């Protein structure tokens, strides 16, 4: 099963965005900016199923 570069690149970009959102969430929580923490947490929750979708689509034979 050969993977396409486009699918792997999209998956890497989504997971990188997930890491960035997680890091900003932790930093903003430390500085007690809770509205931004909730917004970034929601973005983070939306990015994970998107990454799972890309993975499932790419892993199809």
PDB file of N, CA and C in Angstrom:
ATOM      1  N   UNK A   1       0.851  -1.167   0.000  1.00  0.00           N
ATOM      2  CA  UNK A   1       0.000   0.000   0.000  1.00  0.00           C
ATOM      3  C   UNK A   1       0.901   1.235   0.000  1.00  0.00           C
ATOM      4  N   UNK A   2       0.828   1.995  -1.066  1.00  0.00           N
ATOM      5  CA  UNK A   2       1.668   3.185  -1.213  1.00  0.00           C
ATOM      6  C   UNK A   2       0.869   4.435  -0.846  1.00  0.00           C
ATOM      7  N   UNK A   3       1.454   5.276  -0.047  1.00  0.00           N
ATOM      8  CA  UNK A   3       0.786   6.505   0.375  1.00  0.00           C
ATOM      9  C   UNK A   3       1.155   7.654  -0.561  1.00  0.00           C
ATOM     10  N   UNK A   4       0.193   8.566  -0.743  1.00  0.00           N
ATOM     11  CA  UNK A   4       0.461   9.724  -1.585  1.00  0.00           C
ATOM     12  C   UNK A   4       1.100  10.828  -0.741  1.00  0.00           C
ATOM     13  N   UNK A   5       1.893  11.630  -1.389  1.00  0.00           N
ATOM     14  CA  UNK A   5       2.550  12.731  -0.686  1.00  0.00           C
ATOM     15  C   UNK A   5       1.550  13.757  -0.199  1.00  0.00           C
ATOM     16  N   UNK A   6       0.499  13.975  -0.967  1.00  0.00           N
ATOM     17  CA  UNK A   6      -0.491  14.979  -0.615  1.00  0.00           C
ATOM     18  C   UNK A   6      -1.207  14.614   0.685  1.00  0.00           C
ATOM     19  N   UNK A   7      -1.610  13.357   0.811  1.00  0.00           N
ATOM     20  CA  UNK A   7      -2.307  12.919   2.020  1.00  0.00           C
ATOM     21  C   UNK A   7      -1.423  12.978   3.255  1.00  0.00           C
ATOM     22  N   UNK A   8      -0.180  12.559   3.091  1.00  0.00           N
ATOM     23  CA  UNK A   8       0.753  12.592   4.223  1.00  0.00           C
ATOM     24  C   UNK A   8       1.055  14.035   4.614  1.00  0.00           C
ATOM     25  N   UNK A   9       1.213  14.899   3.646  1.00  0.00           N
ATOM     26  CA  UNK A   9       1.476  16.310   3.927  1.00  0.00           C
ATOM     27  C   UNK A   9       0.284  16.964   4.633  1.00  0.00           C
ATOM     28  N   UNK A  10      -0.925  16.669   4.176  1.00  0.00           N
ATOM     29  CA  UNK A  10      -2.110  17.226   4.829  1.00  0.00           C
ATOM     30  C   UNK A  10      -2.226  16.731   6.271  1.00  0.00           C
ATOM     31  N   UNK A  11      -1.954  15.463   6.471  1.00  0.00           N
ATOM     32  CA  UNK A  11      -2.009  14.915   7.820  1.00  0.00           C
ATOM     33  C   UNK A  11      -0.964  15.569   8.721  1.00  0.00           C
ATOM     34  N   UNK A  12       0.236  15.765   8.205  1.00  0.00           N
ATOM     35  CA  UNK A  12       1.288  16.416   8.987  1.00  0.00           C
ATOM     36  C   UNK A  12       0.926  17.860   9.319  1.00  0.00           C
ATOM     37  N   UNK A  13       0.331  18.573   8.383  1.00  0.00           N
ATOM     38  CA  UNK A  13      -0.054  19.962   8.632  1.00  0.00           C
ATOM     39  C   UNK A  13      -1.149  20.066   9.690  1.00  0.00           C
ATOM     40  N   UNK A  14      -2.122  19.161   9.620  1.00  0.00           N
ATOM     41  CA  UNK A  14      -3.209  19.201  10.602  1.00  0.00           C
ATOM     42  C   UNK A  14      -2.679  18.846  11.985  1.00  0.00           C
ATOM     43  N   UNK A  15      -1.815  17.847  12.072  1.00  0.00           N
ATOM     44  CA  UNK A  15      -1.259  17.482  13.371  1.00  0.00           C
ATOM     45  C   UNK A  15      -0.329  18.567  13.920  1.00  0.00           C
ATOM     46  N   UNK A  16       0.377  19.267  13.040  1.00  0.00           N
ATOM     47  CA  UNK A  16       1.214  20.384  13.477  1.00  0.00           C
ATOM     48  C   UNK A  16       0.346  21.520  14.017  1.00  0.00           C
ATOM     49  N   UNK A  17      -0.770  21.803  13.340  1.00  0.00           N
ATOM     50  CA  UNK A  17      -1.695  22.820  13.834  1.00  0.00           C
ATOM     51  C   UNK A  17      -2.285  22.402  15.177  1.00  0.00           C
ATOM     52  N   UNK A  18      -2.519  21.112  15.349  1.00  0.00           N
ATOM     53  CA  UNK A  18      -3.015  20.596  16.618  1.00  0.00           C
ATOM     54  C   UNK A  18      -2.001  20.837  17.734  1.00  0.00           C
ATOM     55  N   UNK A  19      -0.733  20.606  17.460  1.00  0.00           N
ATOM     56  CA  UNK A  19       0.316  20.864  18.450  1.00  0.00           C
ATOM     57  C   UNK A  19       0.414  22.340  18.796  1.00  0.00           C
ATOM     58  N   UNK A  20       0.320  23.193  17.800  1.00  0.00           N
ATOM     59  CA  UNK A  20       0.391  24.636  18.041  1.00  0.00           C
ATOM     60  C   UNK A  20      -0.776  25.098  18.904  1.00  0.00           C
ATOM     61  N   UNK A  21      -1.978  24.625  18.604  1.00  0.00           N
ATOM     62  CA  UNK A  21      -3.147  25.008  19.404  1.00  0.00           C
ATOM     63  C   UNK A  21      -3.015  24.515  20.836  1.00  0.00           C
ATOM     64  N   UNK A  22      -2.488  23.321  21.011  1.00  0.00           N
ATOM     65  CA  UNK A  22      -2.300  22.797  22.359  1.00  0.00           C
ATOM     66  C   UNK A  22      -1.301  23.643  23.131  1.00  0.00           C
ATOM     67  N   UNK A  23      -0.207  24.031  22.485  1.00  0.00           N
ATOM     68  CA  UNK A  23       0.802  24.842  23.164  1.00  0.00           C
ATOM     69  C   UNK A  23       0.257  26.216  23.544  1.00  0.00           C
ATOM     70  N   UNK A  24      -0.479  26.854  22.627  1.00  0.00           N
ATOM     71  CA  UNK A  24      -1.078  28.149  22.953  1.00  0.00           C
ATOM     72  C   UNK A  24      -2.118  28.021  24.058  1.00  0.00           C
ATOM     73  N   UNK A  25      -2.853  26.928  24.075  1.00  0.00           N
ATOM     74  CA  UNK A  25      -3.847  26.709  25.123  1.00  0.00           C
ATOM     75  C   UNK A  25      -3.184  26.637  26.488  1.00  0.00           C
ATOM     76  N   UNK A  26      -2.109  25.897  26.579  1.00  0.00           N
ATOM     77  CA  UNK A  26      -1.393  25.783  27.858  1.00  0.00           C
ATOM     78  C   UNK A  26      -0.820  27.132  28.272  1.00  0.00           C
ATOM     79  N   UNK A  27      -0.231  27.865  27.334  1.00  0.00           N
ATOM     80  CA  UNK A  27       0.349  29.166  27.666  1.00  0.00           C
ATOM     81  C   UNK A  27      -0.713  30.173  28.099  1.00  0.00           C
ATOM     82  N   UNK A  28      -1.834  30.208  27.396  1.00  0.00           N
ATOM     83  CA  UNK A  28      -2.881  31.156  27.764  1.00  0.00           C
ATOM     84  C   UNK A  28      -3.557  30.775  29.068  1.00  0.00           C
ATOM     85  N   UNK A  29      -3.650  29.492  29.354  1.00  0.00           N
ATOM     86  CA  UNK A  29      -4.219  29.068  30.636  1.00  0.00           C
ATOM     87  C   UNK A  29      -3.335  29.538  31.785  1.00  0.00           C
ATOM     88  N   UNK A  30      -2.032  29.504  31.576  1.00  0.00           N
ATOM     89  CA  UNK A  30      -1.097  29.972  32.604  1.00  0.00           C
ATOM     90  C   UNK A  30      -1.311  31.454  32.902  1.00  0.00           C
ATOM     91  N   UNK A  31      -1.650  32.238  31.884  1.00  0.00           N
ATOM     92  CA  UNK A  31      -1.856  33.672  32.068  1.00  0.00           C
ATOM     93  C   UNK A  31      -3.316  34.031  32.320  1.00  0.00           C
ATOM     94  N   UNK A  32      -4.157  33.034  32.577  1.00  0.00           N
ATOM     95  CA  UNK A  32      -5.564  33.205  32.969  1.00  0.00           C
ATOM     96  C   UNK A  32      -6.378  33.954  31.916  1.00  0.00           C
ATOM     97  N   UNK A  33      -6.183  33.622  30.669  1.00  0.00           N
ATOM     98  CA  UNK A  33      -6.995  34.190  29.583  1.00  0.00           C
ATOM     99  C   UNK A  33      -7.943  33.089  29.115  1.00  0.00           C
ATOM    100  N   UNK A  34      -9.012  32.919  29.875  1.00  0.00           N
ATOM    101  CA  UNK A  34      -9.856  31.736  29.742  1.00  0.00           C
ATOM    102  C   UNK A  34     -10.734  31.736  28.493  1.00  0.00           C
ATOM    103  N   UNK A  35     -11.122  32.896  27.994  1.00  0.00           N
ATOM    104  CA  UNK A  35     -11.930  32.924  26.764  1.00  0.00           C
ATOM    105  C   UNK A  35     -11.121  32.381  25.583  1.00  0.00           C
ATOM    106  N   UNK A  36      -9.872  32.787  25.491  1.00  0.00           N
ATOM    107  CA  UNK A  36      -9.018  32.294  24.426  1.00  0.00           C
ATOM    108  C   UNK A  36      -8.712  30.810  24.596  1.00  0.00           C
ATOM    109  N   UNK A  37      -8.600  30.371  25.845  1.00  0.00           N
ATOM    110  CA  UNK A  37      -8.345  28.953  26.128  1.00  0.00           C
ATOM    111  C   UNK A  37      -9.505  28.109  25.629  1.00  0.00           C
ATOM    112  N   UNK A  38     -10.722  28.553  25.881  1.00  0.00           N
ATOM    113  CA  UNK A  38     -11.892  27.804  25.426  1.00  0.00           C
ATOM    114  C   UNK A  38     -11.963  27.786  23.909  1.00  0.00           C
ATOM    115  N   UNK A  39     -11.678  28.907  23.258  1.00  0.00           N
ATOM    116  CA  UNK A  39     -11.708  28.957  21.797  1.00  0.00           C
ATOM    117  C   UNK A  39     -10.653  28.032  21.195  1.00  0.00           C
ATOM    118  N   UNK A  40      -9.444  28.070  21.722  1.00  0.00           N
ATOM    119  CA  UNK A  40      -8.393  27.202  21.194  1.00  0.00           C
ATOM    120  C   UNK A  40      -8.653  25.736  21.498  1.00  0.00           C
ATOM    121  N   UNK A  41      -9.291  25.459  22.610  1.00  0.00           N
ATOM    122  CA  UNK A  41      -9.646  24.075  22.922  1.00  0.00           C
ATOM    123  C   UNK A  41     -10.683  23.550  21.930  1.00  0.00           C
ATOM    124  N   UNK A  42     -11.623  24.388  21.565  1.00  0.00           N
ATOM    125  CA  UNK A  42     -12.616  23.976  20.561  1.00  0.00           C
ATOM    126  C   UNK A  42     -11.965  23.757  19.201  1.00  0.00           C
ATOM    127  N   UNK A  43     -11.042  24.623  18.831  1.00  0.00           N
ATOM    128  CA  UNK A  43     -10.316  24.438  17.566  1.00  0.00           C
ATOM    129  C   UNK A  43      -9.528  23.135  17.604  1.00  0.00           C
ATOM    130  N   UNK A  44      -8.918  22.867  18.741  1.00  0.00           N
ATOM    131  CA  UNK A  44      -8.146  21.641  18.909  1.00  0.00           C
ATOM    132  C   UNK A  44      -9.047  20.416  18.797  1.00  0.00           C
ATOM    133  N   UNK A  45     -10.234  20.493  19.366  1.00  0.00           N
ATOM    134  CA  UNK A  45     -11.176  19.382  19.269  1.00  0.00           C
ATOM    135  C   UNK A  45     -11.675  19.173  17.844  1.00  0.00           C
ATOM    136  N   UNK A  46     -11.741  20.223  17.055  1.00  0.00           N
ATOM    137  CA  UNK A  46     -12.165  20.095  15.659  1.00  0.00           C
ATOM    138  C   UNK A  46     -11.044  19.596  14.754  1.00  0.00           C
ATOM    139  N   UNK A  47      -9.806  19.889  15.116  1.00  0.00           N
ATOM    140  CA  UNK A  47      -8.684  19.462  14.289  1.00  0.00           C
ATOM    141  C   UNK A  47      -8.413  17.964  14.390  1.00  0.00           C
ATOM    142  N   UNK A  48      -8.662  17.381  15.542  1.00  0.00           N
ATOM    143  CA  UNK A  48      -8.361  15.963  15.701  1.00  0.00           C
ATOM    144  C   UNK A  48      -9.218  15.071  14.800  1.00  0.00           C
ATOM    145  N   UNK A  49     -10.543  15.270  14.717  1.00  0.00           N
ATOM    146  CA  UNK A  49     -11.309  14.445  13.767  1.00  0.00           C
ATOM    147  C   UNK A  49     -10.914  14.686  12.319  1.00  0.00           C
ATOM    148  N   UNK A  50     -10.466  15.895  12.013  1.00  0.00           N
ATOM    149  CA  UNK A  50      -9.992  16.167  10.656  1.00  0.00           C
ATOM    150  C   UNK A  50      -8.741  15.351  10.351  1.00  0.00           C
ATOM    151  N   UNK A  51      -7.840  15.271  11.313  1.00  0.00           N
ATOM    152  CA  UNK A  51      -6.647  14.445  11.134  1.00  0.00           C
ATOM    153  C   UNK A  51      -7.020  12.975  11.022  1.00  0.00           C
ATOM    154  N   UNK A  52      -7.979  12.539  11.798  1.00  0.00           N
ATOM    155  CA  UNK A  52      -8.435  11.150  11.728  1.00  0.00           C
ATOM    156  C   UNK A  52      -9.061  10.859  10.370  1.00  0.00           C
ATOM    157  N   UNK A  53      -9.798  11.817   9.825  1.00  0.00           N
ATOM    158  CA  UNK A  53     -10.380  11.661   8.491  1.00  0.00           C
ATOM    159  C   UNK A  53      -9.292  11.516   7.432  1.00  0.00           C
ATOM    160  N   UNK A  54      -8.274  12.354   7.495  1.00  0.00           N
ATOM    161  CA  UNK A  54      -7.179  12.260   6.531  1.00  0.00           C
ATOM    162  C   UNK A  54      -6.442  10.932   6.660  1.00  0.00           C
ATOM    163  N   UNK A  55      -6.277  10.469   7.885  1.00  0.00           N
ATOM    164  CA  UNK A  55      -5.593   9.199   8.089  1.00  0.00           C
ATOM    165  C   UNK A  55      -6.395   8.037   7.528  1.00  0.00           C
ATOM    166  N   UNK A  56      -7.693   8.018   7.808  1.00  0.00           N
ATOM    167  CA  UNK A  56      -8.556   6.937   7.310  1.00  0.00           C
ATOM    168  C   UNK A  56      -8.607   6.949   5.778  1.00  0.00           C
ATOM    169  N   UNK A  57      -8.688   8.133   5.196  1.00  0.00           N
ATOM    170  CA  UNK A  57      -8.739   8.235   3.741  1.00  0.00           C
ATOM    171  C   UNK A  57      -7.420   7.781   3.117  1.00  0.00           C
ATOM    172  N   UNK A  58      -6.319   8.088   3.777  1.00  0.00           N
ATOM    173  CA  UNK A  58      -5.007   7.723   3.247  1.00  0.00           C
ATOM    174  C   UNK A  58      -4.707   6.239   3.456  1.00  0.00           C
ATOM    175  N   UNK A  59      -5.237   5.644   4.503  1.00  0.00           N
ATOM    176  CA  UNK A  59      -4.947   4.241   4.811  1.00  0.00           C
ATOM    177  C   UNK A  59      -5.806   3.280   4.010  1.00  0.00           C
ATOM    178  N   UNK A  60      -6.769   3.787   3.256  1.00  0.00           N
ATOM    179  CA  UNK A  60      -7.623   2.925   2.447  1.00  0.00           C
ATOM    180  C   UNK A  60      -6.805   2.248   1.354  1.00  0.00           C
ATOM    181  N   UNK A  61      -7.016   0.940   1.149  1.00  0.00           N
ATOM    182  CA  UNK A  61      -6.255   0.246   0.080  1.00  0.00           C
ATOM    183  C   UNK A  61      -6.739   0.604  -1.307  1.00  0.00           C
TER     184      UNK A  61
END
